[in-house]
Amino acid sequence: MSRTILDVHVLQTVPPSNLNRDDTGSPKTAVYGGVRRARVSSQAWKRATRKAFNGILDPREIGVRTRKVAEALAERVEAKDSSVNGQDEKVLAFAAEAIFTATGSKITVPTRKKTKGDDEIPKAAPESSYLMFLSARQLDGLADLVIEGIGAGQDGKTYFKDKEKKAEARAIANRAHSVDIALFGRMVADTADINVDAAAQVAHALGVHAVETESDYFTAVDDKNTDGESGAGMIGTVDFNSSTLYRYAAVDVDRLRDNLGKGLDDEKPGSDPVRRAVEAFLEGFVTSLPTGKINTFGNHTLPDAVVVKLRTTRPISFVGAFETPVVADGLSGHVEGACAALASYVPAVEGAYGAEKDTETWVVRVGQATAPLSALGSETTLDELVVSVGAAVESRLGGV
């Protein structure tokens, strides 16, 4: 059966930085090809991509992932009905019951320890025991139910005893998924039937060469010190490394279409929600950057090269091109060697497995060091790439 698979391959050089820390505060690493490499977890880049969606997509196409889901729903209720106070305990309790009915997740008020000197502990809003992922449209749908119930003078427990209202709440939570839910999936531990299988897979970014973690010893001077007061006001260390990373992601466009359905078409008739989601993912994944220690290092780089492939078979990562670590000769750095390795590996793998059939390829590259990649596909800019891939996806699917 023919499939529609989007593969995104990125080479990106990051100077001294600590994008993604382990439990000791050091940059994450992994051993590959017998040497230690820099590593950035998939979760870190998924979150960076989701954050990038805020500047790419309409807010109604994005979800919210939070334990404070009752508070988020109460805010929607207040936004829809100005006569309702979203911080009112009755509204929060009704919202909590709506979330429980829709997802099966118990929403309870967290206990807070009273500290010395506190005469009164402010009551916290009810929360889920784990992060809950709901789309803007799902929150809006549940908000309508809450408004209806409050208008009828009922409390949440009474309102949702009605089987029809209970079924409606459950249905709302399982339709009109946002782009980020459709791409990255959703797991609801208490109600598996509203889980969403992810359409996008993001690999851990991996350095193409061996790396050593270094440590920066720093001091801070107390601004109020006089000339007669020597010494630092603060002393510390921060670990870092620098690396050329290979980043890879794959999107099962057919699953993305199933996840999205036609739920995003309401306000943009004639537009293809799958195309919009693919274009947003491409732009967001390519240009995003995890923000770990970003203020300390200011490591704001963009990729040196991007290779995108639209396939009809299965996802294919090209990380094997770097199983033998790239070695810099002191003149050309790692980008040139990485591009040469990738340019050699890609046609070899695709030729051996017949994976080049019915495959479209686009290349975005910067500088002479990336010249070997020009042989892999049509050279373009990022803006043109996003539009071209979106059009190709829409053409292959025949619209949604």
Protein backbone atom coordinates (compact mmCIF):
# COMPACT_ATOMS: atom_id res chain seq x y z
CA MET A 1 0.00 0.00 0.00
CA SER A 2 1.37 3.41 -0.97
CA ARG A 3 2.01 5.78 1.90
CA THR A 4 2.89 9.45 2.21
CA ILE A 5 5.94 9.87 4.45
CA LEU A 6 7.82 13.11 5.07
CA ASP A 7 11.48 12.81 6.13
CA VAL A 8 13.34 15.88 7.41
CA HIS A 9 17.14 15.77 7.77
CA VAL A 10 18.99 18.73 9.30
CA LEU A 11 22.66 19.51 9.86
CA GLN A 12 23.11 22.29 12.39
CA THR A 13 26.25 23.60 14.05
CA VAL A 14 25.85 24.87 17.60
CA PRO A 15 28.71 26.76 19.32
CA PRO A 16 29.45 26.46 23.07
CA SER A 17 26.03 25.73 24.56
CA ASN A 18 24.00 23.55 26.91
CA LEU A 19 20.76 23.03 25.01
CA ASN A 20 19.53 20.04 26.99
CA ARG A 21 20.88 19.16 30.44
CA ASP A 22 21.03 15.81 32.24
CA ASP A 23 20.37 15.36 35.97
CA THR A 24 23.85 16.71 36.82
CA GLY A 25 23.48 19.86 34.72
CA SER A 26 25.83 18.67 31.98
CA PRO A 27 24.85 18.60 28.29
CA LYS A 28 23.32 15.25 27.33
CA THR A 29 25.54 12.87 25.37
CA ALA A 30 25.41 9.41 23.81
CA VAL A 31 27.96 6.88 22.57
CA TYR A 32 27.59 6.14 18.86
CA GLY A 33 30.14 4.65 16.51
CA GLY A 34 32.38 3.97 19.49
CA VAL A 35 32.77 7.63 20.51
CA ARG A 36 30.85 10.00 22.74
CA ARG A 37 28.63 12.48 20.86
CA ALA A 38 26.61 15.52 21.80
CA ARG A 39 22.90 14.73 22.13
CA VAL A 40 19.69 16.74 22.41
CA SER A 41 16.64 14.72 23.42
CA SER A 42 13.64 14.42 21.15
CA GLN A 43 11.41 15.86 23.88
CA ALA A 44 13.47 19.06 23.97
CA TRP A 45 13.13 19.63 20.23
CA LYS A 46 9.46 18.64 20.17
CA ARG A 47 8.72 21.30 22.76
CA ALA A 48 10.77 23.86 20.84
CA THR A 49 8.78 22.99 17.72
CA ARG A 50 5.46 23.29 19.56
CA LYS A 51 6.52 26.68 20.92
CA ALA A 52 7.38 27.77 17.37
CA PHE A 53 3.79 27.01 16.34
CA ASN A 54 2.69 30.04 18.37
CA GLY A 55 4.20 32.30 15.72
CA ILE A 56 3.09 30.19 12.75
CA LEU A 57 -0.46 28.95 13.37
CA ASP A 58 -3.73 30.49 14.45
CA PRO A 59 -4.24 30.04 18.23
CA ARG A 60 -7.35 27.96 17.51
CA GLU A 61 -5.16 25.39 15.73
CA ILE A 62 -2.96 24.84 18.79
CA GLY A 63 -3.52 22.92 22.02
CA VAL A 64 -2.44 23.38 25.62
CA ARG A 65 -0.67 20.73 27.70
CA THR A 66 -1.03 21.38 31.40
CA ARG A 67 -1.99 19.93 34.77
CA LYS A 68 -3.92 23.17 35.41
CA VAL A 69 -6.51 22.07 32.90
CA ALA A 70 -9.53 23.02 35.04
CA GLU A 71 -8.14 26.54 35.33
CA ALA A 72 -7.57 26.65 31.56
CA LEU A 73 -11.17 25.56 30.95
CA ALA A 74 -12.53 28.09 33.47
CA GLU A 75 -10.64 30.84 31.63
CA ARG A 76 -12.35 29.75 28.39
CA VAL A 77 -15.71 29.86 30.13
CA GLU A 78 -15.06 33.41 31.31
CA ALA A 79 -13.84 34.46 27.84
CA LYS A 80 -17.08 33.14 26.31
CA ASP A 81 -19.38 34.50 29.01
CA SER A 82 -18.20 37.70 30.69
CA SER A 83 -20.80 37.30 33.41
CA VAL A 84 -18.87 34.31 34.75
CA ASN A 85 -15.81 34.68 36.98
CA GLY A 86 -13.29 32.04 35.91
CA GLN A 87 -11.64 32.08 39.33
CA ASP A 88 -14.91 31.41 41.20
CA GLU A 89 -14.74 28.13 43.13
CA LYS A 90 -18.06 26.96 41.71
CA VAL A 91 -16.88 27.56 38.14
CA LEU A 92 -13.58 25.78 38.80
CA ALA A 93 -15.43 22.85 40.36
CA PHE A 94 -17.78 22.65 37.35
CA ALA A 95 -14.79 22.81 34.99
CA ALA A 96 -13.03 20.05 36.93
CA GLU A 97 -16.12 17.85 36.63
CA ALA A 98 -16.28 18.55 32.89
CA ILE A 99 -12.66 17.46 32.43
CA PHE A 100 -13.22 14.35 34.53
CA THR A 101 -16.31 13.43 32.52
CA ALA A 102 -14.56 14.02 29.19
CA THR A 103 -11.23 12.31 29.96
CA GLY A 104 -11.68 10.13 33.02
CA SER A 105 -8.84 11.98 34.72
CA LYS A 106 -9.56 12.95 38.32
CA ILE A 107 -9.11 16.66 38.93
CA THR A 108 -8.36 17.42 42.56
CA VAL A 109 -7.16 20.35 44.63
CA PRO A 110 -3.46 19.89 45.47
CA THR A 111 -2.53 20.09 49.12
CA ARG A 112 -0.17 22.85 50.17
CA LYS A 113 2.02 22.80 53.23
CA LYS A 114 1.63 25.69 55.59
CA THR A 115 4.90 27.43 56.27
CA LYS A 116 5.85 29.37 59.38
CA GLY A 117 4.32 32.84 59.38
CA ASP A 118 1.46 31.95 57.03
CA ASP A 119 -1.84 32.78 58.69
CA GLU A 120 -3.87 31.43 55.81
CA ILE A 121 -3.03 29.24 52.83
CA PRO A 122 -4.81 30.34 49.64
CA LYS A 123 -6.82 27.51 48.16
CA ALA A 124 -5.30 26.19 44.95
CA ALA A 125 -7.23 25.52 41.76
CA PRO A 126 -7.95 21.83 41.07
CA GLU A 127 -5.36 20.05 38.92
CA SER A 128 -4.89 16.80 37.03
CA SER A 129 -2.35 14.33 38.39
CA TYR A 130 -0.54 14.42 35.03
CA LEU A 131 -0.20 16.72 32.04
CA MET A 132 -3.42 16.88 30.02
CA PHE A 133 -3.31 17.81 26.32
CA LEU A 134 -6.46 19.43 24.89
CA SER A 135 -7.00 21.49 21.77
CA ALA A 136 -8.42 25.00 21.78
CA ARG A 137 -11.57 23.70 20.08
CA GLN A 138 -11.99 20.93 22.65
CA LEU A 139 -11.72 23.46 25.47
CA ASP A 140 -14.23 25.69 23.71
CA GLY A 141 -16.67 22.80 23.33
CA LEU A 142 -16.39 21.87 26.99
CA ALA A 143 -16.73 25.54 27.94
CA ASP A 144 -20.09 25.65 26.15
CA LEU A 145 -21.28 22.72 28.28
CA VAL A 146 -20.12 24.41 31.48
CA ILE A 147 -21.88 27.65 30.53
CA GLU A 148 -25.05 25.74 29.75
CA GLY A 149 -24.94 23.90 33.08
CA ILE A 150 -24.25 27.03 35.12
CA GLY A 151 -27.06 28.84 33.27
CA ALA A 152 -29.42 26.04 34.26
CA GLY A 153 -28.44 26.52 37.89
CA GLN A 154 -26.84 23.10 38.21
CA ASP A 155 -23.55 21.91 39.64
CA GLY A 156 -21.15 19.78 37.62
CA LYS A 157 -21.94 16.44 39.20
CA THR A 158 -25.67 16.85 38.67
CA TYR A 159 -25.29 18.17 35.12
CA PHE A 160 -23.07 15.32 33.94
CA LYS A 161 -25.31 12.62 35.43
CA ASP A 162 -27.30 13.09 32.24
CA LYS A 163 -26.10 10.34 29.87
CA GLU A 164 -26.39 12.57 26.82
CA LYS A 165 -24.27 15.32 28.38
CA LYS A 166 -21.72 12.76 29.51
CA ALA A 167 -21.49 11.29 26.00
CA GLU A 168 -21.25 14.77 24.50
CA ALA A 169 -18.37 15.71 26.79
CA ARG A 170 -16.51 12.50 25.90
CA ALA A 171 -17.10 13.12 22.17
CA ILE A 172 -15.83 16.71 22.39
CA ALA A 173 -12.51 15.49 23.86
CA ASN A 174 -12.03 13.09 20.96
CA ARG A 175 -12.59 15.35 17.95
CA ALA A 176 -11.22 18.57 16.43
CA HIS A 177 -7.66 17.76 17.46
CA SER A 178 -5.18 20.62 17.21
CA VAL A 179 -2.12 20.47 14.95
CA ASP A 180 0.25 19.74 17.84
CA ILE A 181 -1.93 16.92 19.21
CA ALA A 182 -2.29 15.42 15.73
CA LEU A 183 1.48 15.56 15.18
CA PHE A 184 2.86 14.60 18.59
CA GLY A 185 0.02 12.49 19.94
CA ARG A 186 -1.75 12.39 23.29
CA MET A 187 -1.86 9.79 26.04
CA VAL A 188 -4.66 9.88 28.58
CA ALA A 189 -3.84 7.25 31.19
CA ASP A 190 -7.41 6.94 32.49
CA THR A 191 -9.25 6.70 29.14
CA ALA A 192 -7.26 4.96 26.43
CA ASP A 193 -10.01 5.33 23.83
CA ILE A 194 -9.31 9.07 23.49
CA ASN A 195 -5.56 8.59 23.07
CA VAL A 196 -4.05 9.93 19.85
CA ASP A 197 -1.20 8.09 18.12
CA ALA A 198 1.53 10.52 17.08
CA ALA A 199 1.95 11.22 13.37
CA ALA A 200 5.43 12.71 13.86
CA GLN A 201 8.55 11.00 15.15
CA VAL A 202 11.51 13.10 16.25
CA ALA A 203 14.89 11.48 16.80
CA HIS A 204 17.40 12.57 19.40
CA ALA A 205 19.72 15.07 17.71
CA LEU A 206 23.20 13.52 17.58
CA GLY A 207 26.63 15.02 17.00
CA VAL A 208 28.37 13.88 13.82
CA HIS A 209 31.75 13.88 15.57
CA ALA A 210 33.30 13.05 18.93
CA VAL A 211 32.75 15.61 21.66
CA GLU A 212 34.16 16.50 25.05
CA THR A 213 32.16 18.26 27.73
CA GLU A 214 33.94 21.35 28.98
CA SER A 215 33.39 23.48 32.07
CA ASP A 216 33.28 27.27 32.29
CA TYR A 217 34.43 28.71 35.61
CA PHE A 218 32.76 32.06 36.21
CA THR A 219 32.64 34.77 38.83
CA ALA A 220 30.20 37.59 39.46
CA VAL A 221 31.14 40.89 41.10
CA ASP A 222 28.95 42.49 43.75
CA ASP A 223 28.01 45.94 42.37
CA LYS A 224 27.89 47.38 45.88
CA ASN A 225 31.44 46.39 46.75
CA THR A 226 33.86 49.24 47.45
CA ASP A 227 37.37 49.43 46.01
CA GLY A 228 38.68 48.03 49.27
CA GLU A 229 36.54 44.91 49.03
CA SER A 230 38.13 42.27 46.86
CA GLY A 231 36.78 38.91 45.80
CA ALA A 232 33.77 37.72 43.90
CA GLY A 233 30.18 37.95 45.05
CA MET A 234 29.50 34.61 43.41
CA ILE A 235 31.59 31.75 41.97
CA GLY A 236 30.32 28.86 39.90
CA THR A 237 30.78 26.59 36.92
CA VAL A 238 28.58 25.68 33.95
CA ASP A 239 29.19 22.74 31.61
CA PHE A 240 28.94 23.07 27.84
CA ASN A 241 29.97 21.56 24.53
CA SER A 242 29.84 22.53 20.86
CA SER A 243 28.88 20.27 17.99
CA THR A 244 27.55 19.84 14.49
CA LEU A 245 24.28 17.95 15.03
CA TYR A 246 22.35 15.63 12.74
CA ARG A 247 18.65 16.12 13.39
CA TYR A 248 15.94 13.87 11.95
CA ALA A 249 12.15 13.78 12.02
CA ALA A 250 9.52 11.84 10.10
CA VAL A 251 5.82 12.56 9.61
CA ASP A 252 3.31 9.88 8.63
CA VAL A 253 1.08 12.19 6.60
CA ASP A 254 -1.69 9.60 6.29
CA ARG A 255 -1.92 9.30 10.07
CA LEU A 256 -1.78 13.07 10.35
CA ARG A 257 -4.79 13.28 8.04
CA ASP A 258 -6.67 10.73 10.14
CA ASN A 259 -5.84 12.61 13.35
CA LEU A 260 -6.89 15.97 11.99
CA GLY A 261 -9.93 14.90 10.01
CA LYS A 262 -11.71 18.04 8.83
CA GLY A 263 -11.85 19.70 12.23
CA LEU A 264 -9.64 22.64 11.28
CA ASP A 265 -11.57 23.65 8.18
CA ASP A 266 -14.36 25.55 9.92
CA GLU A 267 -12.81 29.01 9.72
CA LYS A 268 -10.71 28.55 6.57
CA PRO A 269 -13.01 26.95 3.98
CA GLY A 270 -11.19 25.59 0.97
CA SER A 271 -7.87 25.23 2.81
CA ASP A 272 -6.26 21.88 3.49
CA PRO A 273 -5.66 21.32 7.23
CA VAL A 274 -3.09 18.59 6.53
CA ARG A 275 -1.11 20.90 4.27
CA ARG A 276 -1.16 23.64 6.90
CA ALA A 277 0.01 21.20 9.57
CA VAL A 278 2.84 19.87 7.38
CA GLU A 279 4.00 23.37 6.50
CA ALA A 280 3.89 24.44 10.16
CA PHE A 281 5.84 21.38 11.23
CA LEU A 282 8.52 21.92 8.58
CA GLU A 283 9.04 25.56 9.47
CA GLY A 284 8.79 24.97 13.20
CA PHE A 285 11.11 21.98 13.35
CA VAL A 286 13.78 23.45 11.06
CA THR A 287 13.96 26.90 12.67
CA SER A 288 13.33 26.07 16.34
CA LEU A 289 15.98 25.72 19.02
CA PRO A 290 15.72 24.44 22.60
CA THR A 291 16.33 27.28 25.02
CA GLY A 292 18.48 25.56 27.66
CA LYS A 293 21.07 28.07 28.97
CA ILE A 294 20.32 30.29 25.97
CA ASN A 295 20.92 33.48 27.96
CA THR A 296 24.29 32.18 29.10
CA PHE A 297 25.59 31.18 25.67
CA GLY A 298 23.48 33.03 23.09
CA ASN A 299 23.82 30.09 20.70
CA HIS A 300 21.23 31.32 18.18
CA THR A 301 22.14 29.39 15.03
CA LEU A 302 20.13 28.22 12.03
CA PRO A 303 20.77 24.95 10.17
CA ASP A 304 23.68 24.68 7.74
CA ALA A 305 21.66 22.32 5.57
CA VAL A 306 18.18 20.81 5.32
CA VAL A 307 17.24 17.81 3.16
CA VAL A 308 13.55 16.97 2.88
CA LYS A 309 12.17 13.86 1.20
CA LEU A 310 8.58 12.92 0.45
CA ARG A 311 8.29 9.12 0.16
CA THR A 312 5.72 6.46 -0.59
CA THR A 313 7.19 3.66 1.52
CA ARG A 314 8.60 4.07 5.05
CA PRO A 315 10.67 6.61 7.02
CA ILE A 316 14.45 6.40 6.53
CA SER A 317 16.97 8.07 8.83
CA PHE A 318 20.44 8.76 7.45
CA VAL A 319 22.20 8.77 10.82
CA GLY A 320 24.27 5.82 9.54
CA ALA A 321 26.23 8.32 7.45
CA PHE A 322 27.89 9.40 10.70
CA GLU A 323 28.50 6.02 12.36
CA THR A 324 32.14 6.73 11.49
CA PRO A 325 32.68 10.06 13.26
CA VAL A 326 33.57 13.05 11.11
CA VAL A 327 37.09 14.28 11.84
CA ALA A 328 37.99 17.93 11.27
CA ASP A 329 41.36 18.59 9.63
CA GLY A 330 41.79 21.97 11.30
CA LEU A 331 40.85 23.86 8.14
CA SER A 332 37.38 22.80 7.02
CA GLY A 333 35.64 22.03 10.32
CA HIS A 334 32.91 19.40 10.60
CA VAL A 335 30.18 20.72 8.29
CA GLU A 336 32.03 19.98 5.08
CA GLY A 337 32.87 16.43 6.14
CA ALA A 338 29.31 15.83 7.34
CA CYS A 339 27.84 17.04 4.05
CA ALA A 340 30.24 14.88 2.06
CA ALA A 341 29.35 11.83 4.17
CA LEU A 342 25.62 12.48 3.79
CA ALA A 343 25.86 13.10 0.04
CA SER A 344 27.63 9.76 -0.37
CA TYR A 345 25.43 7.76 2.00
CA VAL A 346 21.97 8.83 0.81
CA PRO A 347 22.13 7.54 -2.80
CA ALA A 348 23.90 4.38 -1.63
CA VAL A 349 21.11 3.48 0.82
CA GLU A 350 18.27 4.52 -1.48
CA GLY A 351 19.82 2.66 -4.43
CA ALA A 352 20.38 -0.53 -2.45
CA TYR A 353 16.77 -0.63 -1.22
CA GLY A 354 14.99 0.98 -4.17
CA ALA A 355 13.89 3.78 -1.88
CA GLU A 356 14.48 6.51 -4.47
CA LYS A 357 11.38 5.47 -6.43
CA ASP A 358 8.52 8.00 -6.31
CA THR A 359 10.57 10.14 -3.92
CA GLU A 360 10.74 13.93 -4.20
CA THR A 361 13.74 15.71 -2.66
CA TRP A 362 14.42 19.33 -1.74
CA VAL A 363 17.64 20.84 -0.39
CA VAL A 364 18.20 24.07 1.56
CA ARG A 365 21.89 24.78 2.15
CA VAL A 366 24.18 27.59 3.29
CA GLY A 367 27.77 28.15 2.15
CA GLN A 368 30.32 26.30 0.07
CA ALA A 369 30.89 23.62 2.71
CA THR A 370 27.43 22.22 1.97
CA ALA A 371 27.97 22.05 -1.81
CA PRO A 372 28.05 18.21 -1.94
CA LEU A 373 24.36 18.14 -0.97
CA SER A 374 23.31 19.98 -4.13
CA ALA A 375 23.40 16.65 -5.97
CA LEU A 376 20.65 15.20 -3.78
CA GLY A 377 17.72 17.31 -4.98
CA SER A 378 16.27 20.64 -6.02
CA GLU A 379 17.91 23.56 -4.23
CA THR A 380 15.54 26.06 -2.70
CA THR A 381 15.04 28.50 0.18
CA LEU A 382 13.16 27.64 3.36
CA ASP A 383 10.09 29.69 2.38
CA GLU A 384 9.96 28.02 -1.03
CA LEU A 385 10.58 24.62 0.56
CA VAL A 386 7.60 24.97 2.90
CA VAL A 387 5.26 25.93 0.07
CA SER A 388 6.59 23.27 -2.33
CA VAL A 389 6.33 20.43 0.18
CA GLY A 390 2.86 21.58 1.24
CA ALA A 391 1.69 21.60 -2.36
CA ALA A 392 3.22 18.17 -3.02
CA VAL A 393 1.49 16.71 0.05
CA GLU A 394 -1.85 18.20 -0.98
CA SER A 395 -1.41 16.83 -4.50
CA ARG A 396 -0.57 13.33 -3.30
CA LEU A 397 -3.51 13.20 -0.91
CA GLY A 398 -5.88 14.78 -3.37
CA GLY A 399 -7.02 17.22 -0.69
CA VAL A 400 -8.81 16.27 2.49
